[in-house]
Amino acid sequence: MFTRKETKVINVGGVKIGGGNPIAIQSMTNTNTRDWKATVKQIKQLQDAGCEIIRVSVPDIECAKNIKLIKKNIKIPLVADIHFDHRLAIESIKQGVDKLRINPGNIGSKEKVMELVKEAKKAHIPIRIGVNAGSLKEVHDFSTTKDKAKALVKAAIEHVKILEDCDFGDIAVSLKASDVETTVEAYKLFASKRNYPTHLGITEAGSIFRGTIKSSVGLGIMLAQGLGDTIRVSLTANPVEEVRVAYQILQSLGLRSTGVEVISCPTCSRTKVNLIKIVDELEAALSKVHNKNTKKNIKIAVMGCVVNGPGEAKEADFGIAGGIGEGILFQKGKIICKVPEDKWVKKLLSMYKKSI
């Protein structure tokens, strides 16, 4: 287990982050916040996928006023993403938002920031200082990764000081860039200067393929160093995929658990069943099963042949190793019976449900 950096605890709508609490998984809607019903629909899909904190963009006053309607119809904390106009933050607070995310690169003057901080303090809601490399003009004046990281931290701390001068301490910070090295260096540097909880992410990471890889590498490095109290995997995809990837990153490091882990072989010429299709179908079926007991992690093995069967997968709770059009079902390394290829998913799903 990794030793996590000790950070201050803040409360986001009932979800405590920092101080060793479980790393919370966040995502952001890609619906138009003006359409509050569509936004609620997507948030409920994200809730079902395991999202624990959700962020919505608030580009205008109509969106800000919809915060109340959205919050009323969801079960997880709601964060308002504010750019350019501090008045939108103040209106979001009035509508009952659970947290604000503001960007020091574009929110406005110090006086405007102080005005919204005053309202946030009255409402007892936290603020995330979200620094993005792309929104800080000064970053482009530097040619080295190290300088870019320093610029991100400098901007974050300058904004943190404004909040601290207002005697406001319910702060979270993110320092995102689209490249892994800059992001990692920025978070490490900030962690050496402040103990506020941090929200990890690689911004503009890309498609579900490239973005998953880049986020896994970047987040994995930081998490292994004990950094991070919440995470978001930024993908150009359905945000539900962000949540699924986030859980797998955390589970691979032993930091969170979905309650199930599927191990499967890469297939070879010995494989006589359609293992790729079977594993895809099993993963899809398992994603629809709500396991409340995530402390108990069930390991399921799906192997293409007996070479990678009960022997190599003996640490699995149960699984199937392929033959010709069928497979050998095993449990804790012991062979139980044979199962036809078209019944694998149904059998494994049934065993999983009985195990939880």
Protein backbone atom coordinates (compact mmCIF):
# COMPACT_ATOMS: atom_id res chain seq x y z
CA MET A 1 0.00 0.00 0.00
CA PHE A 2 1.24 3.47 -0.87
CA THR A 3 1.77 6.11 1.82
CA ARG A 4 -0.50 9.01 0.96
CA LYS A 5 0.41 12.61 1.66
CA GLU A 6 -1.50 13.95 4.64
CA THR A 7 -3.80 16.73 3.48
CA LYS A 8 -6.48 18.90 4.99
CA VAL A 9 -10.02 17.50 4.99
CA ILE A 10 -12.75 19.42 3.18
CA ASN A 11 -16.41 18.51 2.82
CA VAL A 12 -17.98 18.49 -0.65
CA GLY A 13 -21.71 17.99 -0.18
CA GLY A 14 -21.20 15.20 2.33
CA VAL A 15 -18.21 13.61 0.59
CA LYS A 16 -15.05 14.17 2.62
CA ILE A 17 -11.87 14.51 0.62
CA GLY A 18 -8.33 14.73 1.94
CA GLY A 19 -6.94 13.46 5.22
CA GLY A 20 -6.66 9.88 4.04
CA ASN A 21 -10.29 9.53 3.00
CA PRO A 22 -10.91 7.29 -0.04
CA ILE A 23 -9.85 8.95 -3.29
CA ALA A 24 -13.08 10.27 -4.77
CA ILE A 25 -13.92 9.76 -8.45
CA GLN A 26 -15.18 12.78 -10.35
CA SER A 27 -16.44 13.43 -13.84
CA MET A 28 -18.04 16.29 -15.75
CA THR A 29 -21.19 16.39 -17.84
CA ASN A 30 -20.98 17.18 -21.55
CA THR A 31 -24.65 18.10 -21.86
CA ASN A 32 -25.86 21.68 -22.20
CA THR A 33 -26.49 22.83 -18.62
CA ARG A 34 -29.34 25.00 -19.95
CA ASP A 35 -31.12 21.69 -20.58
CA TRP A 36 -31.32 20.66 -16.96
CA LYS A 37 -33.35 17.52 -17.65
CA ALA A 38 -30.76 16.14 -20.08
CA THR A 39 -28.05 17.07 -17.59
CA VAL A 40 -29.82 15.24 -14.77
CA LYS A 41 -30.27 12.20 -17.01
CA GLN A 42 -26.55 12.04 -17.71
CA ILE A 43 -25.64 12.58 -14.07
CA LYS A 44 -27.83 9.64 -13.08
CA GLN A 45 -25.97 7.48 -15.60
CA LEU A 46 -22.73 8.62 -14.02
CA GLN A 47 -24.08 7.91 -10.54
CA ASP A 48 -24.89 4.36 -11.63
CA ALA A 49 -21.36 3.98 -12.96
CA GLY A 50 -19.94 5.01 -9.58
CA CYS A 51 -19.23 8.72 -10.01
CA GLU A 52 -19.01 10.37 -6.58
CA ILE A 53 -18.74 14.08 -7.41
CA ILE A 54 -20.06 15.67 -10.61
CA ARG A 55 -19.15 18.97 -12.24
CA VAL A 56 -21.25 21.00 -14.67
CA SER A 57 -20.21 23.98 -16.77
CA VAL A 58 -21.91 27.28 -15.96
CA PRO A 59 -21.29 29.63 -18.92
CA ASP A 60 -24.27 31.95 -18.31
CA ILE A 61 -26.90 32.98 -15.78
CA GLU A 62 -29.50 30.54 -17.11
CA CYS A 63 -27.16 27.67 -16.35
CA ALA A 64 -26.44 29.07 -12.90
CA LYS A 65 -30.14 29.25 -12.10
CA ASN A 66 -30.54 25.60 -13.18
CA ILE A 67 -28.20 24.48 -10.41
CA LYS A 68 -31.12 24.24 -7.98
CA LEU A 69 -33.17 22.04 -10.33
CA ILE A 70 -30.23 19.78 -11.10
CA LYS A 71 -29.19 19.39 -7.49
CA LYS A 72 -32.73 18.56 -6.45
CA ASN A 73 -32.81 15.56 -8.79
CA ILE A 74 -29.40 13.94 -8.17
CA LYS A 75 -27.77 12.12 -5.26
CA ILE A 76 -24.12 13.15 -5.54
CA PRO A 77 -22.40 16.49 -4.81
CA LEU A 78 -22.63 19.11 -7.55
CA VAL A 79 -19.74 21.36 -8.60
CA ALA A 80 -20.14 24.52 -10.69
CA ASP A 81 -17.38 25.17 -13.22
CA ILE A 82 -16.97 28.93 -13.54
CA HIS A 83 -14.94 30.95 -16.03
CA PHE A 84 -14.70 34.68 -16.82
CA ASP A 85 -17.61 35.94 -14.69
CA HIS A 86 -17.49 35.77 -10.87
CA ARG A 87 -21.20 36.65 -10.73
CA LEU A 88 -22.02 33.20 -12.09
CA ALA A 89 -20.22 31.71 -9.09
CA ILE A 90 -22.23 33.85 -6.70
CA GLU A 91 -25.51 32.86 -8.38
CA SER A 92 -24.49 29.17 -8.25
CA ILE A 93 -23.91 29.53 -4.53
CA LYS A 94 -27.39 31.03 -4.12
CA GLN A 95 -28.82 28.05 -6.02
CA GLY A 96 -27.23 25.59 -3.58
CA VAL A 97 -24.16 24.26 -5.38
CA ASP A 98 -21.85 22.08 -3.25
CA LYS A 99 -18.52 23.36 -4.56
CA LEU A 100 -17.03 25.90 -6.96
CA ARG A 101 -14.24 25.41 -9.46
CA ILE A 102 -12.60 28.63 -10.59
CA ASN A 103 -9.60 29.23 -12.83
CA PRO A 104 -7.09 31.92 -11.82
CA GLY A 105 -6.21 32.41 -15.47
CA ASN A 106 -9.55 33.96 -16.38
CA ILE A 107 -11.84 34.62 -13.42
CA GLY A 108 -11.00 38.33 -13.13
CA SER A 109 -9.56 40.77 -10.64
CA LYS A 110 -8.57 40.03 -7.07
CA GLU A 111 -11.56 42.06 -5.87
CA LYS A 112 -13.97 39.90 -7.84
CA VAL A 113 -12.43 36.74 -6.44
CA MET A 114 -12.70 38.12 -2.91
CA GLU A 115 -16.37 38.89 -3.50
CA LEU A 116 -17.23 35.32 -4.49
CA VAL A 117 -15.04 33.90 -1.68
CA LYS A 118 -17.05 35.95 0.82
CA GLU A 119 -20.26 34.31 -0.41
CA ALA A 120 -18.73 30.83 -0.44
CA LYS A 121 -17.60 31.29 3.14
CA LYS A 122 -21.12 32.26 4.22
CA ALA A 123 -22.53 29.17 2.51
CA HIS A 124 -19.79 26.86 3.88
CA ILE A 125 -18.88 25.47 0.47
CA PRO A 126 -15.32 24.71 -0.73
CA ILE A 127 -13.55 26.16 -3.74
CA ARG A 128 -11.22 24.35 -6.10
CA ILE A 129 -8.48 26.43 -7.63
CA GLY A 130 -8.24 24.79 -11.05
CA VAL A 131 -5.08 25.80 -12.88
CA ASN A 132 -4.75 24.72 -16.52
CA ALA A 133 -1.55 25.22 -18.53
CA GLY A 134 -3.52 26.29 -21.59
CA SER A 135 -5.19 29.20 -19.81
CA LEU A 136 -2.02 30.70 -18.37
CA LYS A 137 -0.28 32.93 -20.91
CA GLU A 138 2.89 33.03 -18.86
CA VAL A 139 3.40 29.31 -19.40
CA HIS A 140 4.09 29.86 -23.08
CA ASP A 141 7.07 32.07 -22.24
CA PHE A 142 8.96 29.06 -20.91
CA SER A 143 10.61 26.35 -22.96
CA THR A 144 11.30 23.69 -20.35
CA THR A 145 8.90 21.36 -18.58
CA LYS A 146 10.32 22.40 -15.23
CA ASP A 147 9.50 26.06 -15.85
CA LYS A 148 5.95 25.22 -16.94
CA ALA A 149 5.39 23.27 -13.74
CA LYS A 150 6.72 26.18 -11.68
CA ALA A 151 4.40 28.56 -13.52
CA LEU A 152 1.38 26.39 -12.73
CA VAL A 153 2.29 26.23 -9.05
CA LYS A 154 3.02 29.96 -8.93
CA ALA A 155 -0.42 30.75 -10.35
CA ALA A 156 -2.13 28.33 -7.98
CA ILE A 157 -0.42 29.67 -4.87
CA GLU A 158 -1.09 33.28 -5.80
CA HIS A 159 -4.78 32.45 -6.00
CA VAL A 160 -4.68 30.34 -2.84
CA LYS A 161 -3.21 33.33 -1.00
CA ILE A 162 -6.18 35.47 -2.04
CA LEU A 163 -8.49 32.92 -0.41
CA GLU A 164 -6.25 32.62 2.64
CA ASP A 165 -6.25 36.42 3.03
CA CYS A 166 -10.05 36.16 3.23
CA ASP A 167 -9.61 33.64 6.07
CA PHE A 168 -10.95 30.92 3.76
CA GLY A 169 -9.46 27.47 4.07
CA ASP A 170 -11.88 25.06 2.38
CA ILE A 171 -9.64 24.80 -0.65
CA ALA A 172 -8.77 22.10 -3.16
CA VAL A 173 -6.25 22.56 -5.95
CA SER A 174 -5.63 21.08 -9.39
CA LEU A 175 -2.65 21.81 -11.64
CA LYS A 176 -3.29 20.23 -15.02
CA ALA A 177 -1.38 20.16 -18.26
CA SER A 178 -1.87 18.00 -21.32
CA ASP A 179 1.53 16.37 -20.94
CA VAL A 180 2.37 13.95 -18.17
CA GLU A 181 5.78 15.29 -17.09
CA THR A 182 4.61 18.87 -16.53
CA THR A 183 1.56 17.70 -14.59
CA VAL A 184 3.50 15.33 -12.34
CA GLU A 185 6.17 17.95 -11.57
CA ALA A 186 3.53 20.59 -10.79
CA TYR A 187 1.67 18.40 -8.31
CA LYS A 188 4.89 17.32 -6.60
CA LEU A 189 6.02 20.93 -6.24
CA PHE A 190 2.67 22.13 -4.94
CA ALA A 191 2.52 19.28 -2.40
CA SER A 192 5.83 20.49 -0.96
CA LYS A 193 4.36 23.95 -0.35
CA ARG A 194 0.76 23.41 0.81
CA ASN A 195 -1.31 20.64 2.39
CA TYR A 196 -4.61 21.34 0.65
CA PRO A 197 -6.25 18.31 -0.99
CA THR A 198 -5.49 17.96 -4.68
CA HIS A 199 -7.65 16.90 -7.59
CA LEU A 200 -5.59 14.91 -10.09
CA GLY A 201 -6.00 14.80 -13.84
CA ILE A 202 -4.24 15.05 -17.17
CA THR A 203 -6.23 17.66 -19.05
CA GLU A 204 -7.20 17.26 -22.70
CA ALA A 205 -5.86 13.71 -22.56
CA GLY A 206 -7.59 12.71 -25.81
CA SER A 207 -9.69 9.85 -27.13
CA ILE A 208 -10.75 6.84 -25.11
CA PHE A 209 -7.66 5.02 -26.46
CA ARG A 210 -4.96 7.67 -26.14
CA GLY A 211 -6.58 9.41 -23.18
CA THR A 212 -6.87 6.23 -21.13
CA ILE A 213 -3.20 5.44 -21.68
CA LYS A 214 -1.96 8.97 -20.95
CA SER A 215 -4.18 9.31 -17.87
CA SER A 216 -3.20 5.89 -16.55
CA VAL A 217 0.48 6.73 -16.84
CA GLY A 218 0.20 10.21 -15.33
CA LEU A 219 -2.26 9.42 -12.58
CA GLY A 220 -0.46 6.18 -11.79
CA ILE A 221 2.82 8.00 -11.19
CA MET A 222 1.22 10.58 -8.91
CA LEU A 223 -0.94 8.14 -6.99
CA ALA A 224 2.04 5.85 -6.42
CA GLN A 225 3.84 8.84 -4.89
CA GLY A 226 1.00 9.36 -2.44
CA LEU A 227 -0.46 12.38 -4.19
CA GLY A 228 -4.13 13.04 -4.90
CA ASP A 229 -7.42 13.08 -3.04
CA THR A 230 -9.82 13.09 -5.99
CA ILE A 231 -9.30 12.19 -9.66
CA ARG A 232 -10.88 12.73 -13.03
CA VAL A 233 -9.91 10.95 -16.22
CA SER A 234 -10.52 13.47 -19.03
CA LEU A 235 -11.59 11.64 -22.19
CA THR A 236 -13.09 12.72 -25.49
CA ALA A 237 -15.82 10.15 -24.94
CA ASN A 238 -18.97 9.41 -22.99
CA PRO A 239 -18.13 10.58 -19.44
CA VAL A 240 -19.30 7.21 -18.11
CA GLU A 241 -16.08 5.85 -19.62
CA GLU A 242 -14.12 8.35 -17.51
CA VAL A 243 -15.58 6.83 -14.36
CA ARG A 244 -14.91 3.26 -15.48
CA VAL A 245 -11.28 4.03 -16.30
CA ALA A 246 -10.79 5.93 -13.03
CA TYR A 247 -11.95 2.97 -10.98
CA GLN A 248 -9.63 0.62 -12.84
CA ILE A 249 -6.65 2.93 -12.29
CA LEU A 250 -7.35 3.09 -8.57
CA GLN A 251 -8.07 -0.63 -8.34
CA SER A 252 -4.83 -1.53 -10.12
CA LEU A 253 -2.96 0.35 -7.36
CA GLY A 254 -5.06 -1.14 -4.55
CA LEU A 255 -6.52 2.27 -3.66
CA ARG A 256 -10.17 1.50 -4.44
CA SER A 257 -12.14 -1.57 -5.47
CA THR A 258 -15.12 -2.17 -7.72
CA GLY A 259 -15.66 -5.52 -6.03
CA VAL A 260 -14.58 -7.52 -9.08
CA GLU A 261 -11.46 -8.04 -11.16
CA VAL A 262 -11.37 -9.92 -14.44
CA ILE A 263 -8.07 -11.43 -15.51
CA SER A 264 -7.83 -12.85 -19.02
CA CYS A 265 -5.08 -14.05 -21.32
CA PRO A 266 -4.09 -12.26 -24.56
CA THR A 267 -5.04 -15.34 -26.66
CA CYS A 268 -2.82 -17.30 -29.05
CA SER A 269 -3.13 -20.08 -31.61
CA ARG A 270 -4.06 -22.52 -28.83
CA THR A 271 -7.29 -20.57 -28.23
CA LYS A 272 -10.29 -22.39 -29.76
CA VAL A 273 -13.05 -20.15 -28.39
CA ASN A 274 -13.95 -16.52 -29.16
CA LEU A 275 -12.31 -15.27 -25.99
CA ILE A 276 -12.24 -11.57 -26.94
CA LYS A 277 -16.01 -11.55 -27.46
CA ILE A 278 -16.60 -13.50 -24.26
CA VAL A 279 -14.50 -11.14 -22.13
CA ASP A 280 -16.16 -8.05 -23.65
CA GLU A 281 -19.61 -9.47 -22.93
CA LEU A 282 -18.63 -10.46 -19.40
CA GLU A 283 -17.22 -7.01 -18.62
CA ALA A 284 -20.38 -5.37 -19.95
CA ALA A 285 -22.58 -7.67 -17.86
CA LEU A 286 -20.53 -7.15 -14.71
CA SER A 287 -20.73 -3.36 -15.08
CA LYS A 288 -24.50 -3.60 -14.62
CA VAL A 289 -24.26 -5.51 -11.33
CA HIS A 290 -24.26 -3.20 -8.33
CA ASN A 291 -21.95 -4.61 -5.67
CA LYS A 292 -22.34 -2.80 -2.37
CA ASN A 293 -19.63 -4.89 -0.69
CA THR A 294 -16.61 -3.49 -2.52
CA LYS A 295 -14.32 -4.49 0.36
CA LYS A 296 -14.61 -8.05 -0.92
CA ASN A 297 -12.85 -8.22 -4.28
CA ILE A 298 -13.85 -11.20 -6.43
CA LYS A 299 -11.27 -12.27 -9.02
CA ILE A 300 -12.61 -13.99 -12.14
CA ALA A 301 -10.28 -15.66 -14.65
CA VAL A 302 -11.20 -16.13 -18.32
CA MET A 303 -8.47 -18.09 -20.08
CA GLY A 304 -8.09 -19.23 -23.67
CA CYS A 305 -6.64 -22.67 -22.99
CA VAL A 306 -5.65 -25.10 -20.25
CA VAL A 307 -2.05 -23.82 -20.31
CA ASN A 308 -3.34 -20.54 -18.87
CA GLY A 309 -6.07 -22.23 -16.89
CA PRO A 310 -6.26 -23.41 -13.27
CA GLY A 311 -2.48 -23.33 -12.91
CA GLU A 312 -1.63 -19.76 -13.89
CA ALA A 313 -4.99 -18.44 -12.64
CA LYS A 314 -5.01 -20.35 -9.36
CA GLU A 315 -5.21 -17.09 -7.36
CA ALA A 316 -8.63 -16.40 -8.95
CA ASP A 317 -11.79 -17.15 -7.00
CA PHE A 318 -13.16 -18.95 -10.04
CA GLY A 319 -12.88 -19.00 -13.80
CA ILE A 320 -13.00 -20.93 -17.05
CA ALA A 321 -10.18 -22.22 -19.26
CA GLY A 322 -10.97 -22.83 -22.92
CA GLY A 323 -11.00 -26.01 -24.92
CA ILE A 324 -12.64 -26.64 -28.32
CA GLY A 325 -16.05 -24.97 -28.14
CA GLU A 326 -16.18 -25.42 -24.38
CA GLY A 327 -14.20 -24.73 -21.24
CA ILE A 328 -13.22 -26.15 -17.86
CA LEU A 329 -14.81 -24.36 -14.92
CA PHE A 330 -12.51 -24.14 -11.91
CA GLN A 331 -12.86 -22.67 -8.43
CA LYS A 332 -9.88 -21.88 -6.20
CA GLY A 333 -7.73 -23.92 -8.62
CA LYS A 334 -9.93 -27.02 -8.51
CA ILE A 335 -11.70 -28.26 -11.66
CA ILE A 336 -15.49 -28.41 -11.25
CA CYS A 337 -17.05 -29.23 -14.63
CA LYS A 338 -17.15 -28.41 -18.35
CA VAL A 339 -19.17 -25.44 -19.69
CA PRO A 340 -20.17 -24.88 -23.36
CA GLU A 341 -18.67 -21.76 -24.94
CA ASP A 342 -22.03 -20.01 -25.31
CA LYS A 343 -22.75 -20.44 -21.59
CA TRP A 344 -19.52 -18.98 -20.20
CA VAL A 345 -20.77 -15.46 -19.55
CA LYS A 346 -24.02 -16.61 -17.97
CA LYS A 347 -22.21 -19.09 -15.70
CA LEU A 348 -19.51 -16.69 -14.55
CA LEU A 349 -22.03 -13.91 -13.97
CA SER A 350 -24.19 -16.25 -11.91
CA MET A 351 -21.22 -17.31 -9.77
CA TYR A 352 -20.24 -13.70 -9.22
CA LYS A 353 -23.72 -12.72 -8.07
CA LYS A 354 -23.71 -15.60 -5.59
CA SER A 355 -20.33 -14.49 -4.28
CA ILE A 356 -21.28 -10.92 -3.36
